[in-house]
Amino acid sequence: MLLFEGNFGNILYTGDCRLTTECVQSLPKKFVGMKGKVPRCQLDYVFLDCTFRRFHQILPSKHSAIQQVINCIWKHPDAPVMYLTCDLLNQEEILANVSQTFGSKIYVDKASNPDCFQALTLTFPDIISEDSSSCFQVLDGFPKLYERAKAKLLEAHAHCQPAPLIIRPSAQWYACVEEFLKNESQRKLRMNEAVRDQFGVWHVCYSTHSSKEELEWALQLLVPKWLVSTTPSCREMELDFVKKHCFGNQVAPNDPIWKLLDIATEGSLDVDVSIKGVSGSPMVEEHTQTYSQPQFEPVKVSTGLKGIIKLSPSSKKSDIIWKSETWSPRF
């Protein structure tokens, strides 16, 4: 999480940081108000991760989720190999705790997973093993996790060996279940222990993103003037806080936000235009969605602005997606 202060305004970039109580309270007190009151020093822009803006359940803490991973391993003593799909940033702590608890190093294939290997080299170098026969191994989690899991399970069956344990610490599966299952009773998955799906993969709700409840709570305390979504398809517009406060006004052509996003504006103020696909991130290939392996939709962003907008060459590389209007607090 990054905080900037200058003549361009006060800017908070949350990144993948979960806006827990501890996280928000760690910010300078002048930027954090009380519910119903604007902070002494108001943030001009908040770049917010809204990945789980539809996820209504209470997410386990990081410590609780890591303990669930460890408990799941304890409950499967016969598994000859423990595959942990912890190849993404912010999951290194899971591997470190598993290594410390069981006194074993973890194999990471440097050739097939160089990013994970490099991240662990910088954070927890002592837990890395280059022995491919190690009982603890990192497995690529996304995409095609189920293809790899099926191959591992079939291989063990063919050799008459006990099935390996495959654990995926991620909240994506839980969020997808909540979104696609219509029966409310089915949506309420266990959050206090690992859950096995029909493909034999064990899921633990370990999240580096905030739930809807956490996002709403944090925004009530931060009360930003502007909100900039860092996730596709204007997902922040589904938040209650944004619906209440962020409609009705236009972004001025000379607003500093355009310079921050490296977007040049010029021309008449009488022309309405829209921005589509501002993000430079490659679109995700469409697949048939199931709740077992969620796929995110292609980026499609649309917002009404005054003025003719021209993207500068460097702005095409931006991963930031804009969709918000200014608002005045009404309490």
C-alpha atoms as a PDB file:
ATOM      1  CA  MET A   1       0.000   0.000   0.000  1.00  0.00           C
ATOM      2  CA  LEU A   2       1.407   3.375  -1.042  1.00  0.00           C
ATOM      3  CA  LEU A   3       0.526   6.854   0.241  1.00  0.00           C
ATOM      4  CA  PHE A   4       1.549   9.980  -1.693  1.00  0.00           C
ATOM      5  CA  GLU A   5       1.278  13.599  -0.583  1.00  0.00           C
ATOM      6  CA  GLY A   6       2.117  16.592  -2.792  1.00  0.00           C
ATOM      7  CA  ASN A   7       0.809  19.483  -4.876  1.00  0.00           C
ATOM      8  CA  PHE A   8      -1.009  16.875  -6.984  1.00  0.00           C
ATOM      9  CA  GLY A   9      -3.102  15.955  -3.953  1.00  0.00           C
ATOM     10  CA  ASN A  10      -3.215  13.124  -1.421  1.00  0.00           C
ATOM     11  CA  ILE A  11      -3.247   9.716  -3.082  1.00  0.00           C
ATOM     12  CA  LEU A  12      -3.646   6.250  -1.572  1.00  0.00           C
ATOM     13  CA  TYR A  13      -2.883   3.200  -3.707  1.00  0.00           C
ATOM     14  CA  THR A  14      -4.074   0.055  -1.927  1.00  0.00           C
ATOM     15  CA  GLY A  15      -2.538  -2.528  -4.265  1.00  0.00           C
ATOM     16  CA  ASP A  16      -3.462  -6.035  -3.115  1.00  0.00           C
ATOM     17  CA  CYS A  17      -3.476  -4.978   0.527  1.00  0.00           C
ATOM     18  CA  ARG A  18      -6.535  -6.090   2.496  1.00  0.00           C
ATOM     19  CA  LEU A  19      -8.159  -3.129   4.203  1.00  0.00           C
ATOM     20  CA  THR A  20      -8.434  -4.747   7.605  1.00  0.00           C
ATOM     21  CA  THR A  21      -8.796  -2.748  10.805  1.00  0.00           C
ATOM     22  CA  GLU A  22      -5.058  -2.970  11.456  1.00  0.00           C
ATOM     23  CA  CYS A  23      -4.249  -1.870   7.923  1.00  0.00           C
ATOM     24  CA  VAL A  24      -6.499   1.196   7.912  1.00  0.00           C
ATOM     25  CA  GLN A  25      -5.469   2.247  11.410  1.00  0.00           C
ATOM     26  CA  SER A  26      -1.808   2.103  10.364  1.00  0.00           C
ATOM     27  CA  LEU A  27      -2.366   5.089   8.056  1.00  0.00           C
ATOM     28  CA  PRO A  28      -1.609   8.593   9.378  1.00  0.00           C
ATOM     29  CA  LYS A  29      -4.444   9.557  11.703  1.00  0.00           C
ATOM     30  CA  LYS A  30      -5.220  12.735   9.749  1.00  0.00           C
ATOM     31  CA  PHE A  31      -6.468  10.589   6.838  1.00  0.00           C
ATOM     32  CA  VAL A  32      -8.691   8.322   8.937  1.00  0.00           C
ATOM     33  CA  GLY A  33     -11.981   9.659  10.230  1.00  0.00           C
ATOM     34  CA  MET A  34     -14.801   8.183  12.241  1.00  0.00           C
ATOM     35  CA  LYS A  35     -17.895   6.648  10.693  1.00  0.00           C
ATOM     36  CA  GLY A  36     -20.114   9.528   9.641  1.00  0.00           C
ATOM     37  CA  LYS A  37     -17.336  12.138   9.821  1.00  0.00           C
ATOM     38  CA  VAL A  38     -14.893  13.296   7.167  1.00  0.00           C
ATOM     39  CA  PRO A  39     -11.199  12.942   8.155  1.00  0.00           C
ATOM     40  CA  ARG A  40      -9.229  16.037   9.131  1.00  0.00           C
ATOM     41  CA  CYS A  41      -7.211  15.689   5.920  1.00  0.00           C
ATOM     42  CA  GLN A  42      -9.269  14.158   3.105  1.00  0.00           C
ATOM     43  CA  LEU A  43      -7.736  11.857   0.508  1.00  0.00           C
ATOM     44  CA  ASP A  44      -8.144  13.210  -3.013  1.00  0.00           C
ATOM     45  CA  TYR A  45      -7.817   9.869  -4.798  1.00  0.00           C
ATOM     46  CA  VAL A  46      -7.953   6.262  -3.667  1.00  0.00           C
ATOM     47  CA  PHE A  47      -6.810   3.622  -6.150  1.00  0.00           C
ATOM     48  CA  LEU A  48      -8.832   0.674  -4.895  1.00  0.00           C
ATOM     49  CA  ASP A  49      -8.737  -3.060  -5.549  1.00  0.00           C
ATOM     50  CA  CYS A  50     -12.372  -4.177  -5.896  1.00  0.00           C
ATOM     51  CA  THR A  51     -11.778  -7.814  -6.865  1.00  0.00           C
ATOM     52  CA  PHE A  52     -14.189  -9.210  -4.259  1.00  0.00           C
ATOM     53  CA  ARG A  53     -16.686  -6.349  -4.184  1.00  0.00           C
ATOM     54  CA  ARG A  54     -19.493  -8.962  -4.498  1.00  0.00           C
ATOM     55  CA  PHE A  55     -18.164 -11.272  -1.802  1.00  0.00           C
ATOM     56  CA  HIS A  56     -20.454 -10.853   1.212  1.00  0.00           C
ATOM     57  CA  GLN A  57     -19.071 -13.447   3.620  1.00  0.00           C
ATOM     58  CA  ILE A  58     -16.564 -12.653   6.341  1.00  0.00           C
ATOM     59  CA  LEU A  59     -13.065 -13.605   5.218  1.00  0.00           C
ATOM     60  CA  PRO A  60     -10.762 -15.425   7.637  1.00  0.00           C
ATOM     61  CA  SER A  61      -7.710 -13.529   8.786  1.00  0.00           C
ATOM     62  CA  LYS A  62      -4.368 -14.332   7.187  1.00  0.00           C
ATOM     63  CA  HIS A  63      -3.209 -16.117  10.347  1.00  0.00           C
ATOM     64  CA  SER A  64      -6.396 -18.205  10.513  1.00  0.00           C
ATOM     65  CA  ALA A  65      -6.135 -19.222   6.850  1.00  0.00           C
ATOM     66  CA  ILE A  66      -2.498 -20.273   7.218  1.00  0.00           C
ATOM     67  CA  GLN A  67      -3.444 -22.393  10.223  1.00  0.00           C
ATOM     68  CA  GLN A  68      -6.159 -24.065   8.123  1.00  0.00           C
ATOM     69  CA  VAL A  69      -3.519 -25.049   5.563  1.00  0.00           C
ATOM     70  CA  ILE A  70      -1.390 -26.563   8.314  1.00  0.00           C
ATOM     71  CA  ASN A  71      -4.372 -28.395   9.832  1.00  0.00           C
ATOM     72  CA  CYS A  72      -5.279 -29.838   6.436  1.00  0.00           C
ATOM     73  CA  ILE A  73      -1.758 -31.235   6.091  1.00  0.00           C
ATOM     74  CA  TRP A  74      -1.911 -32.781   9.583  1.00  0.00           C
ATOM     75  CA  LYS A  75      -5.156 -34.535   8.642  1.00  0.00           C
ATOM     76  CA  HIS A  76      -3.548 -36.274   5.640  1.00  0.00           C
ATOM     77  CA  PRO A  77      -0.478 -38.057   7.028  1.00  0.00           C
ATOM     78  CA  ASP A  78      -0.594 -40.750   4.323  1.00  0.00           C
ATOM     79  CA  ALA A  79      -0.179 -38.338   1.425  1.00  0.00           C
ATOM     80  CA  PRO A  80       3.316 -38.920  -0.023  1.00  0.00           C
ATOM     81  CA  VAL A  81       3.465 -35.449  -1.590  1.00  0.00           C
ATOM     82  CA  MET A  82       1.891 -32.160  -0.485  1.00  0.00           C
ATOM     83  CA  TYR A  83       1.301 -29.810  -3.409  1.00  0.00           C
ATOM     84  CA  LEU A  84       0.769 -26.192  -2.373  1.00  0.00           C
ATOM     85  CA  THR A  85      -0.540 -23.795  -5.031  1.00  0.00           C
ATOM     86  CA  CYS A  86       1.306 -20.847  -3.527  1.00  0.00           C
ATOM     87  CA  ASP A  87       3.068 -19.506  -6.607  1.00  0.00           C
ATOM     88  CA  LEU A  88       1.680 -15.956  -6.412  1.00  0.00           C
ATOM     89  CA  LEU A  89       3.007 -12.893  -4.620  1.00  0.00           C
ATOM     90  CA  ASN A  90       1.793 -12.463  -1.025  1.00  0.00           C
ATOM     91  CA  GLN A  91       1.621 -16.248  -0.543  1.00  0.00           C
ATOM     92  CA  GLU A  92       5.244 -16.654   0.547  1.00  0.00           C
ATOM     93  CA  GLU A  93       4.248 -16.489   4.210  1.00  0.00           C
ATOM     94  CA  ILE A  94       2.133 -19.630   3.811  1.00  0.00           C
ATOM     95  CA  LEU A  95       5.143 -21.582   2.566  1.00  0.00           C
ATOM     96  CA  ALA A  96       7.341 -20.187   5.333  1.00  0.00           C
ATOM     97  CA  ASN A  97       4.885 -21.271   8.036  1.00  0.00           C
ATOM     98  CA  VAL A  98       4.456 -24.741   6.526  1.00  0.00           C
ATOM     99  CA  SER A  99       8.216 -25.163   6.318  1.00  0.00           C
ATOM    100  CA  GLN A 100       8.694 -24.054   9.912  1.00  0.00           C
ATOM    101  CA  THR A 101       5.849 -26.206  11.269  1.00  0.00           C
ATOM    102  CA  PHE A 102       6.914 -29.440   9.586  1.00  0.00           C
ATOM    103  CA  GLY A 103      10.657 -28.837   9.535  1.00  0.00           C
ATOM    104  CA  SER A 104      10.909 -29.443   5.806  1.00  0.00           C
ATOM    105  CA  LYS A 105      12.048 -27.350   2.871  1.00  0.00           C
ATOM    106  CA  ILE A 106       9.775 -26.801  -0.125  1.00  0.00           C
ATOM    107  CA  TYR A 107      10.639 -27.655  -3.708  1.00  0.00           C
ATOM    108  CA  VAL A 108      10.140 -24.917  -6.287  1.00  0.00           C
ATOM    109  CA  ASP A 109      10.874 -25.661  -9.930  1.00  0.00           C
ATOM    110  CA  LYS A 110      13.055 -22.734 -10.951  1.00  0.00           C
ATOM    111  CA  ALA A 111      12.607 -23.430 -14.668  1.00  0.00           C
ATOM    112  CA  SER A 112       8.801 -23.619 -14.728  1.00  0.00           C
ATOM    113  CA  ASN A 113       8.126 -21.149 -11.908  1.00  0.00           C
ATOM    114  CA  PRO A 114      10.894 -18.521 -11.967  1.00  0.00           C
ATOM    115  CA  ASP A 115       8.799 -15.726 -10.421  1.00  0.00           C
ATOM    116  CA  CYS A 116       7.911 -17.755  -7.342  1.00  0.00           C
ATOM    117  CA  PHE A 117      11.497 -18.952  -7.008  1.00  0.00           C
ATOM    118  CA  GLN A 118      12.785 -15.377  -7.197  1.00  0.00           C
ATOM    119  CA  ALA A 119      10.225 -14.096  -4.675  1.00  0.00           C
ATOM    120  CA  LEU A 120      11.174 -16.782  -2.157  1.00  0.00           C
ATOM    121  CA  THR A 121      14.866 -16.120  -2.763  1.00  0.00           C
ATOM    122  CA  LEU A 122      14.291 -12.540  -1.643  1.00  0.00           C
ATOM    123  CA  THR A 123      11.923 -13.259   1.257  1.00  0.00           C
ATOM    124  CA  PHE A 124      12.498 -16.763   2.658  1.00  0.00           C
ATOM    125  CA  PRO A 125      15.581 -18.230   0.931  1.00  0.00           C
ATOM    126  CA  ASP A 126      16.173 -20.826   3.651  1.00  0.00           C
ATOM    127  CA  ILE A 127      12.981 -22.760   2.866  1.00  0.00           C
ATOM    128  CA  ILE A 128      13.764 -23.433  -0.812  1.00  0.00           C
ATOM    129  CA  SER A 129      14.662 -26.964  -1.859  1.00  0.00           C
ATOM    130  CA  GLU A 130      15.988 -27.974  -5.278  1.00  0.00           C
ATOM    131  CA  ASP A 131      15.236 -31.635  -4.614  1.00  0.00           C
ATOM    132  CA  SER A 132      12.305 -32.644  -6.831  1.00  0.00           C
ATOM    133  CA  SER A 133      11.553 -35.590  -4.529  1.00  0.00           C
ATOM    134  CA  SER A 134      10.704 -33.307  -1.587  1.00  0.00           C
ATOM    135  CA  CYS A 135       7.378 -34.069   0.065  1.00  0.00           C
ATOM    136  CA  PHE A 136       6.381 -30.388  -0.035  1.00  0.00           C
ATOM    137  CA  GLN A 137       6.202 -28.844  -3.499  1.00  0.00           C
ATOM    138  CA  VAL A 138       4.836 -25.674  -5.087  1.00  0.00           C
ATOM    139  CA  LEU A 139       2.274 -26.260  -7.843  1.00  0.00           C
ATOM    140  CA  ASP A 140       1.099 -23.640 -10.349  1.00  0.00           C
ATOM    141  CA  GLY A 141      -2.365 -22.539  -9.269  1.00  0.00           C
ATOM    142  CA  PHE A 142      -3.807 -20.679 -12.237  1.00  0.00           C
ATOM    143  CA  PRO A 143      -4.704 -21.346 -14.950  1.00  0.00           C
ATOM    144  CA  LYS A 144      -5.255 -25.067 -15.680  1.00  0.00           C
ATOM    145  CA  LEU A 145      -4.945 -26.116 -12.049  1.00  0.00           C
ATOM    146  CA  TYR A 146      -7.481 -28.905 -12.492  1.00  0.00           C
ATOM    147  CA  GLU A 147      -5.635 -30.376 -15.448  1.00  0.00           C
ATOM    148  CA  ARG A 148      -2.449 -30.563 -13.395  1.00  0.00           C
ATOM    149  CA  ALA A 149      -4.310 -31.885 -10.347  1.00  0.00           C
ATOM    150  CA  LYS A 150      -5.974 -34.615 -12.423  1.00  0.00           C
ATOM    151  CA  ALA A 151      -2.613 -35.637 -13.861  1.00  0.00           C
ATOM    152  CA  LYS A 152      -1.056 -35.899 -10.384  1.00  0.00           C
ATOM    153  CA  LEU A 153      -3.957 -37.969  -9.040  1.00  0.00           C
ATOM    154  CA  LEU A 154      -3.996 -40.307 -12.055  1.00  0.00           C
ATOM    155  CA  GLU A 155      -0.246 -40.793 -11.806  1.00  0.00           C
ATOM    156  CA  ALA A 156      -0.526 -41.827  -8.162  1.00  0.00           C
ATOM    157  CA  HIS A 157      -3.398 -44.196  -8.966  1.00  0.00           C
ATOM    158  CA  ALA A 158      -1.451 -45.785 -11.837  1.00  0.00           C
ATOM    159  CA  HIS A 159       1.450 -46.532  -9.492  1.00  0.00           C
ATOM    160  CA  CYS A 160      -0.876 -47.815  -6.728  1.00  0.00           C
ATOM    161  CA  GLN A 161       0.246 -45.022  -4.426  1.00  0.00           C
ATOM    162  CA  PRO A 162      -1.806 -42.945  -1.983  1.00  0.00           C
ATOM    163  CA  ALA A 163      -3.220 -39.800  -3.541  1.00  0.00           C
ATOM    164  CA  PRO A 164      -1.157 -36.644  -3.106  1.00  0.00           C
ATOM    165  CA  LEU A 165      -2.602 -33.715  -1.161  1.00  0.00           C
ATOM    166  CA  ILE A 166      -3.315 -30.645  -3.287  1.00  0.00           C
ATOM    167  CA  ILE A 167      -4.130 -27.434  -1.405  1.00  0.00           C
ATOM    168  CA  ARG A 168      -5.113 -24.154  -3.004  1.00  0.00           C
ATOM    169  CA  PRO A 169      -5.036 -21.212  -0.554  1.00  0.00           C
ATOM    170  CA  SER A 170      -7.158 -18.665  -2.419  1.00  0.00           C
ATOM    171  CA  ALA A 171     -10.503 -16.907  -2.042  1.00  0.00           C
ATOM    172  CA  GLN A 172     -11.312 -16.984  -5.770  1.00  0.00           C
ATOM    173  CA  TRP A 173     -13.047 -20.356  -5.594  1.00  0.00           C
ATOM    174  CA  TYR A 174     -15.191 -19.220  -2.650  1.00  0.00           C
ATOM    175  CA  ALA A 175     -16.132 -15.977  -4.388  1.00  0.00           C
ATOM    176  CA  CYS A 176     -17.105 -17.850  -7.538  1.00  0.00           C
ATOM    177  CA  VAL A 177     -19.274 -20.296  -5.581  1.00  0.00           C
ATOM    178  CA  GLU A 178     -21.089 -17.424  -3.885  1.00  0.00           C
ATOM    179  CA  GLU A 179     -21.724 -15.694  -7.210  1.00  0.00           C
ATOM    180  CA  PHE A 180     -22.895 -18.669  -9.267  1.00  0.00           C
ATOM    181  CA  LEU A 181     -24.857 -20.802  -6.799  1.00  0.00           C
ATOM    182  CA  LYS A 182     -28.413 -19.493  -6.472  1.00  0.00           C
ATOM    183  CA  ASN A 183     -29.306 -21.435  -3.339  1.00  0.00           C
ATOM    184  CA  GLU A 184     -28.291 -19.252  -0.407  1.00  0.00           C
ATOM    185  CA  SER A 185     -27.756 -22.243   1.891  1.00  0.00           C
ATOM    186  CA  GLN A 186     -25.293 -23.736  -0.606  1.00  0.00           C
ATOM    187  CA  ARG A 187     -23.326 -20.503  -0.774  1.00  0.00           C
ATOM    188  CA  LYS A 188     -22.376 -20.620   2.884  1.00  0.00           C
ATOM    189  CA  LEU A 189     -19.227 -22.701   2.615  1.00  0.00           C
ATOM    190  CA  ARG A 190     -17.157 -23.518   5.649  1.00  0.00           C
ATOM    191  CA  MET A 191     -14.628 -20.782   6.246  1.00  0.00           C
ATOM    192  CA  ASN A 192     -12.962 -22.291   9.294  1.00  0.00           C
ATOM    193  CA  GLU A 193     -11.466 -25.349   7.587  1.00  0.00           C
ATOM    194  CA  ALA A 194     -10.305 -26.597   4.200  1.00  0.00           C
ATOM    195  CA  VAL A 195     -12.995 -27.694   1.727  1.00  0.00           C
ATOM    196  CA  ARG A 196     -12.506 -30.416  -0.909  1.00  0.00           C
ATOM    197  CA  ASP A 197     -14.067 -29.921  -4.342  1.00  0.00           C
ATOM    198  CA  GLN A 198     -15.192 -32.589  -6.816  1.00  0.00           C
ATOM    199  CA  PHE A 199     -11.788 -32.589  -8.506  1.00  0.00           C
ATOM    200  CA  GLY A 200      -9.915 -33.559  -5.357  1.00  0.00           C
ATOM    201  CA  VAL A 201      -8.425 -30.122  -4.666  1.00  0.00           C
ATOM    202  CA  TRP A 202      -8.607 -28.755  -1.129  1.00  0.00           C
ATOM    203  CA  HIS A 203      -9.437 -25.055  -0.859  1.00  0.00           C
ATOM    204  CA  VAL A 204      -8.561 -22.671   1.962  1.00  0.00           C
ATOM    205  CA  CYS A 205     -10.024 -19.154   1.949  1.00  0.00           C
ATOM    206  CA  TYR A 206      -6.774 -17.190   2.014  1.00  0.00           C
ATOM    207  CA  SER A 207      -7.349 -13.724   0.610  1.00  0.00           C
ATOM    208  CA  THR A 208      -5.089 -10.807  -0.216  1.00  0.00           C
ATOM    209  CA  HIS A 209      -8.138  -8.817  -1.362  1.00  0.00           C
ATOM    210  CA  SER A 210     -10.830  -7.164   0.744  1.00  0.00           C
ATOM    211  CA  SER A 211     -14.381  -8.466   0.911  1.00  0.00           C
ATOM    212  CA  LYS A 212     -17.336  -6.156   0.224  1.00  0.00           C
ATOM    213  CA  GLU A 213     -17.786  -5.621   3.955  1.00  0.00           C
ATOM    214  CA  GLU A 214     -14.135  -4.623   4.411  1.00  0.00           C
ATOM    215  CA  LEU A 215     -14.249  -2.256   1.425  1.00  0.00           C
ATOM    216  CA  GLU A 216     -17.432  -0.547   2.612  1.00  0.00           C
ATOM    217  CA  TRP A 217     -16.076  -0.175   6.142  1.00  0.00           C
ATOM    218  CA  ALA A 218     -12.750   1.267   4.980  1.00  0.00           C
ATOM    219  CA  LEU A 219     -14.393   3.786   2.637  1.00  0.00           C
ATOM    220  CA  GLN A 220     -16.640   5.018   5.444  1.00  0.00           C
ATOM    221  CA  LEU A 221     -13.492   5.933   7.400  1.00  0.00           C
ATOM    222  CA  LEU A 222     -11.311   7.204   4.554  1.00  0.00           C
ATOM    223  CA  VAL A 223     -14.077   9.169   2.758  1.00  0.00           C
ATOM    224  CA  PRO A 224     -12.075   9.859  -0.430  1.00  0.00           C
ATOM    225  CA  LYS A 225     -13.095  12.580  -2.872  1.00  0.00           C
ATOM    226  CA  TRP A 226     -12.462  10.342  -5.876  1.00  0.00           C
ATOM    227  CA  LEU A 227     -12.251   6.614  -6.394  1.00  0.00           C
ATOM    228  CA  VAL A 228     -10.173   4.916  -9.096  1.00  0.00           C
ATOM    229  CA  SER A 229     -10.701   1.207  -9.689  1.00  0.00           C
ATOM    230  CA  THR A 230      -7.617  -0.924 -10.319  1.00  0.00           C
ATOM    231  CA  THR A 231      -9.746  -3.929 -11.296  1.00  0.00           C
ATOM    232  CA  PRO A 232     -11.642  -4.531 -14.559  1.00  0.00           C
ATOM    233  CA  SER A 233     -15.115  -3.466 -15.588  1.00  0.00           C
ATOM    234  CA  CYS A 234     -15.635  -0.602 -13.135  1.00  0.00           C
ATOM    235  CA  ARG A 235     -16.240  -2.948 -10.239  1.00  0.00           C
ATOM    236  CA  GLU A 236     -16.195  -0.149  -7.676  1.00  0.00           C
ATOM    237  CA  MET A 237     -19.547   1.044  -9.042  1.00  0.00           C
ATOM    238  CA  GLU A 238     -21.209  -1.907  -7.288  1.00  0.00           C
ATOM    239  CA  LEU A 239     -20.163  -0.708  -3.836  1.00  0.00           C
ATOM    240  CA  ASP A 240     -22.909   0.896  -1.748  1.00  0.00           C
ATOM    241  CA  PHE A 241     -20.575   3.724  -0.744  1.00  0.00           C
ATOM    242  CA  VAL A 242     -19.896   4.597  -4.386  1.00  0.00           C
ATOM    243  CA  LYS A 243     -23.572   4.371  -5.369  1.00  0.00           C
ATOM    244  CA  LYS A 244     -24.431   6.801  -2.608  1.00  0.00           C
ATOM    245  CA  HIS A 245     -21.698   9.368  -3.147  1.00  0.00           C
ATOM    246  CA  CYS A 246     -20.109   9.047  -6.575  1.00  0.00           C
ATOM    247  CA  PHE A 247     -22.791   9.935  -9.121  1.00  0.00           C
ATOM    248  CA  GLY A 248     -23.826  13.166 -10.802  1.00  0.00           C
ATOM    249  CA  ASN A 249     -20.620  15.070 -11.525  1.00  0.00           C
ATOM    250  CA  GLN A 250     -18.150  15.086 -14.400  1.00  0.00           C
ATOM    251  CA  VAL A 251     -14.369  14.939 -14.378  1.00  0.00           C
ATOM    252  CA  ALA A 252     -12.925  18.316 -15.393  1.00  0.00           C
ATOM    253  CA  PRO A 253     -10.552  18.222 -18.394  1.00  0.00           C
ATOM    254  CA  ASN A 254      -7.858  19.972 -16.333  1.00  0.00           C
ATOM    255  CA  ASP A 255      -8.201  17.653 -13.344  1.00  0.00           C
ATOM    256  CA  PRO A 256      -4.800  16.350 -12.115  1.00  0.00           C
ATOM    257  CA  ILE A 257      -6.067  12.767 -12.431  1.00  0.00           C
ATOM    258  CA  TRP A 258      -5.468  12.815 -16.196  1.00  0.00           C
ATOM    259  CA  LYS A 259      -1.826  13.733 -15.725  1.00  0.00           C
ATOM    260  CA  LEU A 260      -1.454  11.035 -13.100  1.00  0.00           C
ATOM    261  CA  LEU A 261      -2.875   8.463 -15.525  1.00  0.00           C
ATOM    262  CA  ASP A 262      -0.736   9.875 -18.357  1.00  0.00           C
ATOM    263  CA  ILE A 263      -3.835  10.682 -20.421  1.00  0.00           C
ATOM    264  CA  ALA A 264      -3.862  13.840 -22.556  1.00  0.00           C
ATOM    265  CA  THR A 265      -7.154  15.744 -22.976  1.00  0.00           C
ATOM    266  CA  GLU A 266      -7.864  18.303 -25.680  1.00  0.00           C
ATOM    267  CA  GLY A 267     -10.709  19.726 -27.746  1.00  0.00           C
ATOM    268  CA  SER A 268     -14.211  20.990 -27.179  1.00  0.00           C
ATOM    269  CA  LEU A 269     -16.076  20.519 -23.940  1.00  0.00           C
ATOM    270  CA  ASP A 270     -19.298  19.954 -25.854  1.00  0.00           C
ATOM    271  CA  VAL A 271     -18.350  16.497 -27.102  1.00  0.00           C
ATOM    272  CA  ASP A 272     -19.303  13.391 -25.142  1.00  0.00           C
ATOM    273  CA  VAL A 273     -16.931  10.458 -25.483  1.00  0.00           C
ATOM    274  CA  SER A 274     -16.315   7.180 -23.731  1.00  0.00           C
ATOM    275  CA  ILE A 275     -13.201   5.285 -22.783  1.00  0.00           C
ATOM    276  CA  LYS A 276     -13.218   1.591 -23.590  1.00  0.00           C
ATOM    277  CA  GLY A 277     -10.465  -0.822 -22.739  1.00  0.00           C
ATOM    278  CA  VAL A 278      -8.176   1.745 -21.119  1.00  0.00           C
ATOM    279  CA  SER A 279      -6.295  -1.048 -19.400  1.00  0.00           C
ATOM    280  CA  GLY A 280      -3.243  -2.287 -21.245  1.00  0.00           C
ATOM    281  CA  SER A 281      -3.539  -5.709 -19.664  1.00  0.00           C
ATOM    282  CA  PRO A 282      -4.227  -8.544 -22.129  1.00  0.00           C
ATOM    283  CA  MET A 283      -7.824  -9.713 -22.214  1.00  0.00           C
ATOM    284  CA  VAL A 284      -8.566 -13.021 -20.591  1.00  0.00           C
ATOM    285  CA  GLU A 285      -9.571 -15.726 -23.039  1.00  0.00           C
ATOM    286  CA  GLU A 286     -13.220 -16.678 -22.528  1.00  0.00           C
ATOM    287  CA  HIS A 287     -14.029 -20.177 -21.286  1.00  0.00           C
ATOM    288  CA  THR A 288     -17.125 -21.872 -19.978  1.00  0.00           C
ATOM    289  CA  GLN A 289     -17.280 -20.852 -16.333  1.00  0.00           C
ATOM    290  CA  THR A 290     -17.812 -23.281 -13.500  1.00  0.00           C
ATOM    291  CA  TYR A 291     -17.568 -22.538  -9.842  1.00  0.00           C
ATOM    292  CA  SER A 292     -14.589 -24.873  -9.553  1.00  0.00           C
ATOM    293  CA  GLN A 293     -12.277 -22.737 -11.666  1.00  0.00           C
ATOM    294  CA  PRO A 294     -13.363 -19.115 -11.965  1.00  0.00           C
ATOM    295  CA  GLN A 295     -12.422 -17.115 -15.042  1.00  0.00           C
ATOM    296  CA  PHE A 296     -12.602 -13.338 -15.093  1.00  0.00           C
ATOM    297  CA  GLU A 297     -14.471 -11.524 -17.860  1.00  0.00           C
ATOM    298  CA  PRO A 298     -12.719  -9.434 -20.535  1.00  0.00           C
ATOM    299  CA  VAL A 299     -12.050  -5.812 -19.732  1.00  0.00           C
ATOM    300  CA  LYS A 300     -14.841  -3.527 -20.915  1.00  0.00           C
ATOM    301  CA  VAL A 301     -14.815  -0.057 -19.408  1.00  0.00           C
ATOM    302  CA  SER A 302     -17.179   2.746 -20.341  1.00  0.00           C
ATOM    303  CA  THR A 303     -17.601   6.159 -18.770  1.00  0.00           C
ATOM    304  CA  GLY A 304     -19.075   9.434 -19.974  1.00  0.00           C
ATOM    305  CA  LEU A 305     -16.684  12.420 -19.968  1.00  0.00           C
ATOM    306  CA  LYS A 306     -16.637  15.930 -21.423  1.00  0.00           C
ATOM    307  CA  GLY A 307     -13.848  16.577 -23.921  1.00  0.00           C
ATOM    308  CA  ILE A 308     -11.956  14.656 -26.562  1.00  0.00           C
ATOM    309  CA  ILE A 309      -9.571  12.215 -24.959  1.00  0.00           C
ATOM    310  CA  LYS A 310      -6.410  10.973 -26.596  1.00  0.00           C
ATOM    311  CA  LEU A 311      -4.298   8.238 -25.038  1.00  0.00           C
ATOM    312  CA  SER A 312      -0.597   8.956 -25.135  1.00  0.00           C
ATOM    313  CA  PRO A 313       1.575   5.984 -26.249  1.00  0.00           C
ATOM    314  CA  SER A 314       2.832   5.272 -22.752  1.00  0.00           C
ATOM    315  CA  SER A 315      -0.695   5.241 -21.323  1.00  0.00           C
ATOM    316  CA  LYS A 316      -1.501   2.123 -23.324  1.00  0.00           C
ATOM    317  CA  LYS A 317       0.661   0.208 -20.896  1.00  0.00           C
ATOM    318  CA  SER A 318      -1.318   1.301 -17.872  1.00  0.00           C
ATOM    319  CA  ASP A 319      -2.998  -1.374 -15.775  1.00  0.00           C
ATOM    320  CA  ILE A 320      -5.264   1.185 -14.119  1.00  0.00           C
ATOM    321  CA  ILE A 321      -8.923   1.425 -15.089  1.00  0.00           C
ATOM    322  CA  TRP A 322     -10.799   4.650 -14.429  1.00  0.00           C
ATOM    323  CA  LYS A 323     -14.481   4.922 -13.598  1.00  0.00           C
ATOM    324  CA  SER A 324     -15.641   7.277 -10.932  1.00  0.00           C
ATOM    325  CA  GLU A 325     -17.124  10.690 -10.413  1.00  0.00           C
ATOM    326  CA  THR A 326     -16.545  13.211  -7.691  1.00  0.00           C
ATOM    327  CA  TRP A 327     -18.931  13.538  -4.801  1.00  0.00           C
ATOM    328  CA  SER A 328     -19.707  15.695  -1.815  1.00  0.00           C
ATOM    329  CA  PRO A 329     -20.114  13.968   1.558  1.00  0.00           C
ATOM    330  CA  ARG A 330     -23.683  13.917   2.810  1.00  0.00           C
ATOM    331  CA  PHE A 331     -24.063  12.687   6.373  1.00  0.00           C
END
